[in-house]
C-alpha atoms as a PDB file:
ATOM      1  CA  MET A   1      56.373  -1.070 -26.677  1.00  0.00           C
ATOM      2  CA  ALA A   2      56.935  -4.496 -26.853  1.00  0.00           C
ATOM      3  CA  VAL A   3      60.805  -4.261 -25.530  1.00  0.00           C
ATOM      4  CA  ASP A   4      59.388  -1.223 -22.955  1.00  0.00           C
ATOM      5  CA  SER A   5      56.996  -3.433 -21.439  1.00  0.00           C
ATOM      6  CA  GLU A   6      59.009  -6.762 -21.228  1.00  0.00           C
ATOM      7  CA  SER A   7      62.416  -4.701 -19.479  1.00  0.00           C
ATOM      8  CA  PRO A   8      61.033  -4.898 -16.015  1.00  0.00           C
ATOM      9  CA  THR A   9      60.299  -7.987 -15.668  1.00  0.00           C
ATOM     10  CA  LYS A  10      63.930  -9.376 -16.620  1.00  0.00           C
ATOM     11  CA  PRO A  11      65.709  -8.395 -13.383  1.00  0.00           C
ATOM     12  CA  ARG A  12      62.902  -9.799 -11.746  1.00  0.00           C
ATOM     13  CA  THR A  13      62.627 -13.047 -13.506  1.00  0.00           C
ATOM     14  CA  SER A  14      66.622 -12.971 -12.556  1.00  0.00           C
ATOM     15  CA  LYS A  15      66.003 -12.465  -9.112  1.00  0.00           C
ATOM     16  CA  THR A  16      62.851 -15.399  -9.230  1.00  0.00           C
ATOM     17  CA  THR A  17      65.597 -17.572 -10.572  1.00  0.00           C
ATOM     18  CA  LEU A  18      68.096 -16.721  -8.007  1.00  0.00           C
ATOM     19  CA  ARG A  19      66.220 -17.773  -5.298  1.00  0.00           C
ATOM     20  CA  ILE A  20      65.291 -20.852  -6.337  1.00  0.00           C
ATOM     21  CA  TYR A  21      68.084 -21.695  -7.289  1.00  0.00           C
ATOM     22  CA  LEU A  22      69.387 -20.419  -3.654  1.00  0.00           C
ATOM     23  CA  VAL A  23      66.850 -22.841  -1.729  1.00  0.00           C
ATOM     24  CA  ILE A  24      67.669 -25.773  -4.162  1.00  0.00           C
ATOM     25  CA  PHE A  25      71.278 -25.842  -2.971  1.00  0.00           C
ATOM     26  CA  THR A  26      71.007 -24.784   0.616  1.00  0.00           C
ATOM     27  CA  GLY A  27      67.714 -27.298   1.073  1.00  0.00           C
ATOM     28  CA  GLY A  28      70.013 -30.159  -1.376  1.00  0.00           C
ATOM     29  CA  LEU A  29      72.977 -29.090   1.047  1.00  0.00           C
ATOM     30  CA  MET A  30      70.957 -29.141   4.533  1.00  0.00           C
ATOM     31  CA  LEU A  31      69.600 -32.771   3.225  1.00  0.00           C
ATOM     32  CA  ALA A  32      73.259 -34.653   3.113  1.00  0.00           C
ATOM     33  CA  TRP A  33      74.458 -33.197   5.823  1.00  0.00           C
ATOM     34  CA  LEU A  34      71.750 -33.994   7.562  1.00  0.00           C
ATOM     35  CA  ILE A  35      71.934 -37.992   6.347  1.00  0.00           C
ATOM     36  CA  ALA A  36      75.907 -37.579   6.541  1.00  0.00           C
ATOM     37  CA  THR A  37      75.947 -37.212   9.694  1.00  0.00           C
ATOM     38  CA  PRO A  38      75.456 -38.982  13.519  1.00  0.00           C
ATOM     39  CA  PRO A  39      71.672 -38.781  14.275  1.00  0.00           C
ATOM     40  CA  GLY A  40      68.780 -37.473  16.806  1.00  0.00           C
ATOM     41  CA  LEU A  41      69.127 -33.662  17.900  1.00  0.00           C
ATOM     42  CA  LEU A  42      72.550 -34.248  19.984  1.00  0.00           C
ATOM     43  CA  GLY A  43      74.344 -35.549  16.713  1.00  0.00           C
ATOM     44  CA  LYS A  44      73.787 -32.602  14.364  1.00  0.00           C
ATOM     45  CA  SER A  45      74.972 -31.023  17.440  1.00  0.00           C
ATOM     46  CA  ASP A  46      77.698 -32.528  17.653  1.00  0.00           C
ATOM     47  CA  ALA A  47      78.076 -31.980  14.484  1.00  0.00           C
ATOM     48  CA  ILE A  48      78.381 -28.556  14.162  1.00  0.00           C
ATOM     49  CA  ALA A  49      80.578 -28.116  16.884  1.00  0.00           C
ATOM     50  CA  TYR A  50      83.203 -30.630  14.808  1.00  0.00           C
ATOM     51  CA  ALA A  51      83.781 -28.235  12.645  1.00  0.00           C
ATOM     52  CA  VAL A  52      85.135 -25.359  15.264  1.00  0.00           C
ATOM     53  CA  CYS A  53      85.827 -26.947  18.370  1.00  0.00           C
ATOM     54  CA  HIS A  54      88.756 -29.268  19.671  1.00  0.00           C
ATOM     55  CA  ARG A  55      86.189 -31.237  21.605  1.00  0.00           C
ATOM     56  CA  ILE A  56      88.578 -32.101  24.079  1.00  0.00           C
ATOM     57  CA  SER A  57      85.957 -34.606  26.958  1.00  0.00           C
ATOM     58  CA  SER A  58      87.885 -33.222  30.193  1.00  0.00           C
ATOM     59  CA  HIS A  59      87.230 -29.161  28.758  1.00  0.00           C
ATOM     60  CA  SER A  60      83.646 -30.101  28.701  1.00  0.00           C
ATOM     61  CA  PHE A  61      80.650 -29.971  30.376  1.00  0.00           C
ATOM     62  CA  TYR A  62      78.687 -33.018  30.685  1.00  0.00           C
ATOM     63  CA  PHE A  63      74.922 -34.081  29.994  1.00  0.00           C
ATOM     64  CA  GLY A  64      74.539 -37.247  31.721  1.00  0.00           C
ATOM     65  CA  ASP A  65      77.093 -39.433  30.630  1.00  0.00           C
ATOM     66  CA  ARG A  66      78.103 -37.719  27.120  1.00  0.00           C
ATOM     67  CA  PRO A  67      79.995 -34.461  26.953  1.00  0.00           C
ATOM     68  CA  PHE A  68      78.414 -31.038  25.587  1.00  0.00           C
ATOM     69  CA  SER A  69      78.313 -30.458  21.473  1.00  0.00           C
ATOM     70  CA  LEU A  70      81.375 -27.528  21.969  1.00  0.00           C
ATOM     71  CA  CYS A  71      84.035 -27.736  25.175  1.00  0.00           C
ATOM     72  CA  ALA A  72      83.277 -25.534  28.101  1.00  0.00           C
ATOM     73  CA  ARG A  73      84.720 -22.181  26.157  1.00  0.00           C
ATOM     74  CA  CYS A  74      83.670 -22.337  23.197  1.00  0.00           C
ATOM     75  CA  SER A  75      79.816 -23.271  24.516  1.00  0.00           C
ATOM     76  CA  GLY A  76      80.650 -20.391  26.712  1.00  0.00           C
ATOM     77  CA  GLN A  77      81.342 -18.081  24.114  1.00  0.00           C
ATOM     78  CA  TYR A  78      78.365 -18.977  21.347  1.00  0.00           C
ATOM     79  CA  LEU A  79      75.790 -18.310  24.011  1.00  0.00           C
ATOM     80  CA  GLY A  80      77.641 -15.023  24.802  1.00  0.00           C
ATOM     81  CA  PHE A  81      76.884 -14.070  21.272  1.00  0.00           C
ATOM     82  CA  VAL A  82      73.734 -15.267  21.433  1.00  0.00           C
ATOM     83  CA  TRP A  83      72.617 -13.357  24.219  1.00  0.00           C
ATOM     84  CA  GLY A  84      74.618 -10.482  23.467  1.00  0.00           C
ATOM     85  CA  PHE A  85      72.982  -9.719  19.919  1.00  0.00           C
ATOM     86  CA  GLY A  86      69.946 -10.637  20.540  1.00  0.00           C
ATOM     87  CA  SER A  87      69.367  -9.029  23.210  1.00  0.00           C
ATOM     88  CA  GLN A  88      70.850  -5.995  21.463  1.00  0.00           C
ATOM     89  CA  VAL A  89      68.076  -6.940  18.455  1.00  0.00           C
ATOM     90  CA  LEU A  90      65.951  -6.043  20.852  1.00  0.00           C
ATOM     91  CA  LEU A  91      66.791  -3.331  23.185  1.00  0.00           C
ATOM     92  CA  GLY A  92      69.023  -1.376  20.624  1.00  0.00           C
ATOM     93  CA  LYS A  93      66.269  -0.963  17.876  1.00  0.00           C
ATOM     94  CA  LYS A  94      68.621  -0.423  15.093  1.00  0.00           C
ATOM     95  CA  ARG A  95      71.099   1.827  16.463  1.00  0.00           C
ATOM     96  CA  SER A  96      74.390   1.447  14.705  1.00  0.00           C
ATOM     97  CA  GLY A  97      76.696   3.000  17.333  1.00  0.00           C
ATOM     98  CA  PHE A  98      79.853   1.903  19.152  1.00  0.00           C
ATOM     99  CA  PRO A  99      79.310   1.440  22.761  1.00  0.00           C
ATOM    100  CA  SER A 100      81.442   4.306  24.668  1.00  0.00           C
ATOM    101  CA  ARG A 101      84.992   4.162  25.550  1.00  0.00           C
ATOM    102  CA  TRP A 102      84.242   3.057  29.113  1.00  0.00           C
ATOM    103  CA  VAL A 103      82.057  -0.170  28.038  1.00  0.00           C
ATOM    104  CA  ALA A 104      84.844  -0.561  24.544  1.00  0.00           C
ATOM    105  CA  GLY A 105      87.555  -0.773  27.241  1.00  0.00           C
ATOM    106  CA  GLY A 106      85.531  -3.355  29.347  1.00  0.00           C
ATOM    107  CA  LEU A 107      84.883  -5.848  25.978  1.00  0.00           C
ATOM    108  CA  LEU A 108      88.659  -5.461  25.207  1.00  0.00           C
ATOM    109  CA  LEU A 109      88.973  -6.448  28.786  1.00  0.00           C
ATOM    110  CA  LEU A 110      86.989  -9.164  28.349  1.00  0.00           C
ATOM    111  CA  VAL A 111      88.459 -10.770  25.138  1.00  0.00           C
ATOM    112  CA  LEU A 112      92.209 -10.291  27.292  1.00  0.00           C
ATOM    113  CA  ILE A 113      91.105 -12.628  30.351  1.00  0.00           C
ATOM    114  CA  TYR A 114      89.637 -14.975  27.312  1.00  0.00           C
ATOM    115  CA  ALA A 115      93.434 -15.046  25.685  1.00  0.00           C
ATOM    116  CA  LEU A 116      95.196 -15.517  28.981  1.00  0.00           C
ATOM    117  CA  ASP A 117      92.766 -18.188  29.902  1.00  0.00           C
ATOM    118  CA  GLY A 118      93.369 -20.245  26.500  1.00  0.00           C
ATOM    119  CA  LEU A 119      96.654 -19.955  26.883  1.00  0.00           C
ATOM    120  CA  ASN A 120      96.905 -20.738  30.423  1.00  0.00           C
ATOM    121  CA  SER A 121      95.366 -23.800  29.294  1.00  0.00           C
ATOM    122  CA  LEU A 122      96.597 -25.001  26.351  1.00  0.00           C
ATOM    123  CA  PHE A 123      99.787 -24.767  28.651  1.00  0.00           C
ATOM    124  CA  SER A 124      98.683 -27.488  30.772  1.00  0.00           C
ATOM    125  CA  VAL A 125      97.595 -30.154  27.837  1.00  0.00           C
ATOM    126  CA  TYR A 126     101.541 -30.394  27.332  1.00  0.00           C
ATOM    127  CA  PRO A 127     103.794 -31.450  29.717  1.00  0.00           C
ATOM    128  CA  SER A 128     106.637 -29.569  28.499  1.00  0.00           C
ATOM    129  CA  LEU A 129     104.795 -26.258  28.729  1.00  0.00           C
ATOM    130  CA  ASN A 130     103.289 -27.103  31.614  1.00  0.00           C
ATOM    131  CA  ASP A 131     106.335 -24.478  33.814  1.00  0.00           C
ATOM    132  CA  TYR A 132     104.177 -21.453  31.972  1.00  0.00           C
ATOM    133  CA  SER A 133     100.902 -22.206  33.697  1.00  0.00           C
ATOM    134  CA  LEU A 134      99.724 -19.649  36.212  1.00  0.00           C
ATOM    135  CA  TYR A 135      96.870 -22.180  37.370  1.00  0.00           C
ATOM    136  CA  GLN A 136      95.638 -24.786  37.664  1.00  0.00           C
ATOM    137  CA  PRO A 137      92.517 -24.585  34.339  1.00  0.00           C
ATOM    138  CA  ILE A 138      89.142 -25.225  35.194  1.00  0.00           C
ATOM    139  CA  ASN A 139      85.666 -25.522  33.173  1.00  0.00           C
ATOM    140  CA  SER A 140      83.883 -22.639  35.019  1.00  0.00           C
ATOM    141  CA  LEU A 141      86.964 -20.308  34.266  1.00  0.00           C
ATOM    142  CA  ARG A 142      87.148 -21.406  30.346  1.00  0.00           C
ATOM    143  CA  LEU A 143      82.591 -20.920  30.534  1.00  0.00           C
ATOM    144  CA  PHE A 144      82.804 -17.560  31.930  1.00  0.00           C
ATOM    145  CA  SER A 145      85.702 -16.603  29.723  1.00  0.00           C
ATOM    146  CA  GLY A 146      83.708 -17.878  26.692  1.00  0.00           C
ATOM    147  CA  LEU A 147      80.618 -15.996  27.425  1.00  0.00           C
ATOM    148  CA  GLY A 148      82.944 -12.831  28.127  1.00  0.00           C
ATOM    149  CA  MET A 149      83.876 -13.637  24.214  1.00  0.00           C
ATOM    150  CA  GLY A 150      80.399 -14.138  22.934  1.00  0.00           C
ATOM    151  CA  LEU A 151      79.789 -10.674  24.399  1.00  0.00           C
ATOM    152  CA  ALA A 152      82.637  -8.649  23.345  1.00  0.00           C
ATOM    153  CA  ILE A 153      81.526 -10.379  19.390  1.00  0.00           C
ATOM    154  CA  SER A 154      78.220  -9.739  19.844  1.00  0.00           C
ATOM    155  CA  GLY A 155      78.909  -5.855  21.113  1.00  0.00           C
ATOM    156  CA  PHE A 156      81.141  -4.904  18.477  1.00  0.00           C
ATOM    157  CA  TYR A 157      79.873  -6.520  15.480  1.00  0.00           C
ATOM    158  CA  TYR A 158      75.433  -5.580  16.257  1.00  0.00           C
ATOM    159  CA  PRO A 159      76.455  -1.767  15.479  1.00  0.00           C
ATOM    160  CA  LEU A 160      79.606  -2.834  12.915  1.00  0.00           C
ATOM    161  CA  MET A 161      76.500  -4.662  10.990  1.00  0.00           C
ATOM    162  CA  GLY A 162      73.921  -2.047  11.736  1.00  0.00           C
ATOM    163  CA  GLN A 163      75.824   0.774   9.644  1.00  0.00           C
ATOM    164  CA  THR A 164      76.871  -1.724   7.157  1.00  0.00           C
ATOM    165  CA  LEU A 165      73.027  -3.199   6.607  1.00  0.00           C
ATOM    166  CA  TRP A 166      70.101   0.112   7.339  1.00  0.00           C
ATOM    167  CA  SER A 167      69.464   2.632   4.878  1.00  0.00           C
ATOM    168  CA  GLU A 168      68.441   4.879   7.578  1.00  0.00           C
ATOM    169  CA  VAL A 169      71.820   4.496   9.933  1.00  0.00           C
ATOM    170  CA  ASN A 170      70.449   5.289  14.010  1.00  0.00           C
ATOM    171  CA  PRO A 171      73.626   6.765  15.129  1.00  0.00           C
ATOM    172  CA  GLY A 172      72.775   6.093  18.987  1.00  0.00           C
ATOM    173  CA  ARG A 173      74.199   4.290  21.138  1.00  0.00           C
ATOM    174  CA  SER A 174      73.897   0.853  21.122  1.00  0.00           C
ATOM    175  CA  LEU A 175      74.333   0.142  24.608  1.00  0.00           C
ATOM    176  CA  ALA A 176      73.730   3.561  25.412  1.00  0.00           C
ATOM    177  CA  GLY A 177      74.288   3.406  29.317  1.00  0.00           C
ATOM    178  CA  THR A 178      72.838   1.035  32.888  1.00  0.00           C
ATOM    179  CA  LYS A 179      69.849   0.058  31.659  1.00  0.00           C
ATOM    180  CA  ASP A 180      70.752  -1.512  28.153  1.00  0.00           C
ATOM    181  CA  TRP A 181      74.433  -3.102  29.407  1.00  0.00           C
ATOM    182  CA  LEU A 182      72.784  -3.881  33.004  1.00  0.00           C
ATOM    183  CA  PRO A 183      70.697  -6.676  31.695  1.00  0.00           C
ATOM    184  CA  TRP A 184      72.565  -7.518  29.278  1.00  0.00           C
ATOM    185  CA  MET A 185      75.441  -8.458  31.523  1.00  0.00           C
ATOM    186  CA  GLY A 186      73.574  -9.717  33.805  1.00  0.00           C
ATOM    187  CA  GLY A 187      72.148 -12.672  31.615  1.00  0.00           C
ATOM    188  CA  THR A 188      74.708 -13.164  30.250  1.00  0.00           C
ATOM    189  CA  ILE A 189      75.847 -14.425  34.136  1.00  0.00           C
ATOM    190  CA  MET A 190      72.884 -15.930  34.612  1.00  0.00           C
ATOM    191  CA  ILE A 191      72.872 -17.977  31.537  1.00  0.00           C
ATOM    192  CA  GLY A 192      76.818 -19.337  33.330  1.00  0.00           C
ATOM    193  CA  LEU A 193      75.191 -20.140  36.498  1.00  0.00           C
ATOM    194  CA  LEU A 194      72.313 -22.241  34.972  1.00  0.00           C
ATOM    195  CA  ALA A 195      75.204 -24.359  32.577  1.00  0.00           C
ATOM    196  CA  LEU A 196      76.373 -24.850  36.070  1.00  0.00           C
ATOM    197  CA  THR A 197      73.235 -26.560  37.985  1.00  0.00           C
ATOM    198  CA  GLY A 198      73.484 -29.709  36.264  1.00  0.00           C
ATOM    199  CA  ASN A 199      70.123 -29.951  35.743  1.00  0.00           C
ATOM    200  CA  PRO A 200      69.537 -32.345  32.505  1.00  0.00           C
ATOM    201  CA  LEU A 201      66.172 -29.794  31.974  1.00  0.00           C
ATOM    202  CA  ILE A 202      68.258 -26.843  31.916  1.00  0.00           C
ATOM    203  CA  LEU A 203      71.635 -28.083  30.533  1.00  0.00           C
ATOM    204  CA  TYR A 204      69.476 -30.006  27.154  1.00  0.00           C
ATOM    205  CA  PRO A 205      68.234 -26.604  26.123  1.00  0.00           C
ATOM    206  CA  LEU A 206      71.827 -25.039  26.543  1.00  0.00           C
ATOM    207  CA  VAL A 207      73.614 -27.454  24.509  1.00  0.00           C
ATOM    208  CA  LEU A 208      71.357 -26.786  20.998  1.00  0.00           C
ATOM    209  CA  LEU A 209      70.953 -23.025  22.089  1.00  0.00           C
ATOM    210  CA  SER A 210      75.004 -23.000  21.704  1.00  0.00           C
ATOM    211  CA  THR A 211      75.857 -25.174  18.746  1.00  0.00           C
ATOM    212  CA  GLY A 212      72.560 -22.747  17.179  1.00  0.00           C
ATOM    213  CA  GLY A 213      74.420 -19.539  18.728  1.00  0.00           C
ATOM    214  CA  LEU A 214      77.655 -20.555  16.272  1.00  0.00           C
ATOM    215  CA  MET A 215      75.505 -21.706  13.396  1.00  0.00           C
ATOM    216  CA  VAL A 216      74.011 -17.471  13.927  1.00  0.00           C
ATOM    217  CA  LEU A 217      77.290 -16.004  14.259  1.00  0.00           C
ATOM    218  CA  LEU A 218      78.485 -17.601  10.827  1.00  0.00           C
ATOM    219  CA  THR A 219      75.295 -17.168   9.164  1.00  0.00           C
ATOM    220  CA  LEU A 220      75.185 -13.155  10.207  1.00  0.00           C
ATOM    221  CA  LEU A 221      78.847 -12.667   9.343  1.00  0.00           C
ATOM    222  CA  TYR A 222      78.095 -14.154   5.542  1.00  0.00           C
ATOM    223  CA  THR A 223      74.900 -12.325   4.938  1.00  0.00           C
ATOM    224  CA  VAL A 224      77.497  -9.168   5.589  1.00  0.00           C
ATOM    225  CA  ILE A 225      79.806 -10.374   3.226  1.00  0.00           C
ATOM    226  CA  TRP A 226      77.705 -11.757   0.570  1.00  0.00           C
ATOM    227  CA  ILE A 227      75.738  -7.872   0.998  1.00  0.00           C
ATOM    228  CA  LEU A 228      79.288  -6.197   0.390  1.00  0.00           C
ATOM    229  CA  LEU A 229      80.044  -8.395  -2.282  1.00  0.00           C
ATOM    230  CA  LYS A 230      76.884  -7.520  -4.412  1.00  0.00           C
ATOM    231  CA  ARG A 231      77.643  -3.801  -3.268  1.00  0.00           C
ATOM    232  CA  LYS A 232      74.391  -3.916  -1.791  1.00  0.00           C
ATOM    233  CA  GLU A 233      75.212  -1.998   1.799  1.00  0.00           C
ATOM    234  CA  ASN A 234      73.061   0.670   3.522  1.00  0.00           C
ATOM    235  CA  SER A 235      69.777  -0.332   1.050  1.00  0.00           C
ATOM    236  CA  PHE A 236      67.930  -2.752   3.850  1.00  0.00           C
ATOM    237  CA  GLN A 237      65.566  -1.043   6.097  1.00  0.00           C
ATOM    238  CA  SER A 238      64.162  -3.939   7.896  1.00  0.00           C
ATOM    239  CA  TRP A 239      65.353  -7.496   9.083  1.00  0.00           C
ATOM    240  CA  ARG A 240      62.447  -8.959   6.402  1.00  0.00           C
ATOM    241  CA  ASP A 241      64.568  -7.358   3.737  1.00  0.00           C
ATOM    242  CA  LEU A 242      67.217  -9.626   4.735  1.00  0.00           C
ATOM    243  CA  ARG A 243      65.676 -12.568   4.317  1.00  0.00           C
ATOM    244  CA  TRP A 244      66.850 -13.961   1.102  1.00  0.00           C
ATOM    245  CA  TRP A 245      70.183 -13.221   2.012  1.00  0.00           C
ATOM    246  CA  ILE A 246      70.231 -14.574   5.649  1.00  0.00           C
ATOM    247  CA  VAL A 247      69.280 -17.182   3.742  1.00  0.00           C
ATOM    248  CA  ALA A 248      72.581 -17.022   1.186  1.00  0.00           C
ATOM    249  CA  GLY A 249      74.627 -16.562   4.720  1.00  0.00           C
ATOM    250  CA  PHE A 250      72.763 -19.690   5.969  1.00  0.00           C
ATOM    251  CA  GLY A 251      73.569 -21.789   3.237  1.00  0.00           C
ATOM    252  CA  THR A 252      77.088 -20.160   2.965  1.00  0.00           C
ATOM    253  CA  ALA A 253      78.172 -20.970   6.569  1.00  0.00           C
ATOM    254  CA  LEU A 254      76.337 -24.510   6.216  1.00  0.00           C
ATOM    255  CA  LEU A 255      78.853 -25.363   3.416  1.00  0.00           C
ATOM    256  CA  GLN A 256      81.551 -24.420   5.820  1.00  0.00           C
ATOM    257  CA  ILE A 257      80.667 -26.400   8.326  1.00  0.00           C
ATOM    258  CA  ALA A 258      80.396 -29.795   5.806  1.00  0.00           C
ATOM    259  CA  VAL A 259      83.020 -28.923   4.170  1.00  0.00           C
ATOM    260  CA  ILE A 260      85.304 -28.965   7.598  1.00  0.00           C
ATOM    261  CA  ASP A 261      83.124 -32.233   8.876  1.00  0.00           C
ATOM    262  CA  LEU A 262      84.363 -33.745   5.783  1.00  0.00           C
ATOM    263  CA  ILE A 263      87.643 -33.429   6.049  1.00  0.00           C
ATOM    264  CA  ARG A 264      88.345 -33.896   9.516  1.00  0.00           C
ATOM    265  CA  PHE A 265      85.838 -37.028   9.643  1.00  0.00           C
ATOM    266  CA  SER A 266      87.994 -38.938   6.534  1.00  0.00           C
ATOM    267  CA  MET A 267      91.253 -37.969   8.571  1.00  0.00           C
ATOM    268  CA  SER A 268      90.059 -39.145  12.045  1.00  0.00           C
ATOM    269  CA  GLY A 269      87.392 -41.669  11.662  1.00  0.00           C
ATOM    270  CA  THR A 270      85.314 -40.678  14.573  1.00  0.00           C
ATOM    271  CA  TRP A 271      82.794 -38.159  15.301  1.00  0.00           C
ATOM    272  CA  SER A 272      84.740 -37.830  18.782  1.00  0.00           C
ATOM    273  CA  GLY A 273      87.047 -34.758  20.122  1.00  0.00           C
ATOM    274  CA  PHE A 274      90.853 -34.589  18.454  1.00  0.00           C
ATOM    275  CA  LEU A 275      92.708 -36.046  22.311  1.00  0.00           C
ATOM    276  CA  VAL A 276      91.732 -37.900  24.966  1.00  0.00           C
ATOM    277  CA  TYR A 277      92.680 -36.158  27.639  1.00  0.00           C
END
């Protein structure tokens, strides 16, 4: 009887121990990263962006006398993602069906625009490739092509994540019709227009929201990866059930940021962009 009464507690104890280790690892990593990176909220924002973006100042919008943490294209991409994903969480009600062919085709068109504008911008940087540039790149085009890419990522990832997570999958389309995708698209355009105002009261939160969107995307990606590795797919009923998996995803995302920050800083010795251009 003693064995039977103790056996149910073993998995519970093991889970508790793993969660303690997870909190210690994530908290310790965050503390080390906060100490090692530049001071202030904008300094931390720069350190997050430093791991994924070239941060060329001429390709960025400015907040006062300093460039955004992310370049214009990356700012748009992660702002678009956090808006697109967040609005689907609110509007989608855990609907996990992929968009219709028309909507999916529109999202793929946004991806194509992003790729073409990115290549055109790349060609303009190097004199030897200038002849291949189709038009003079500008930051507003970088911003809106990035916003479109962020929307496309969220439009495909939200239903894919839902099909992986939820024990009761709602087959309805995440973007069911005009009532869903019109505010979804309209909100994205509004974010882009707000970024073009140059108002510091608007730009400051957008800078932080863009790098926050990057962390949200990485956290969600690693959350799903951990769930797949542990073979726990389709076993969750709510976002609350995911809280420890999200902590694991966040810790992994922060580890990636910290490692790339360390490598890049050891090579360049500066937190600024790759090029002065």
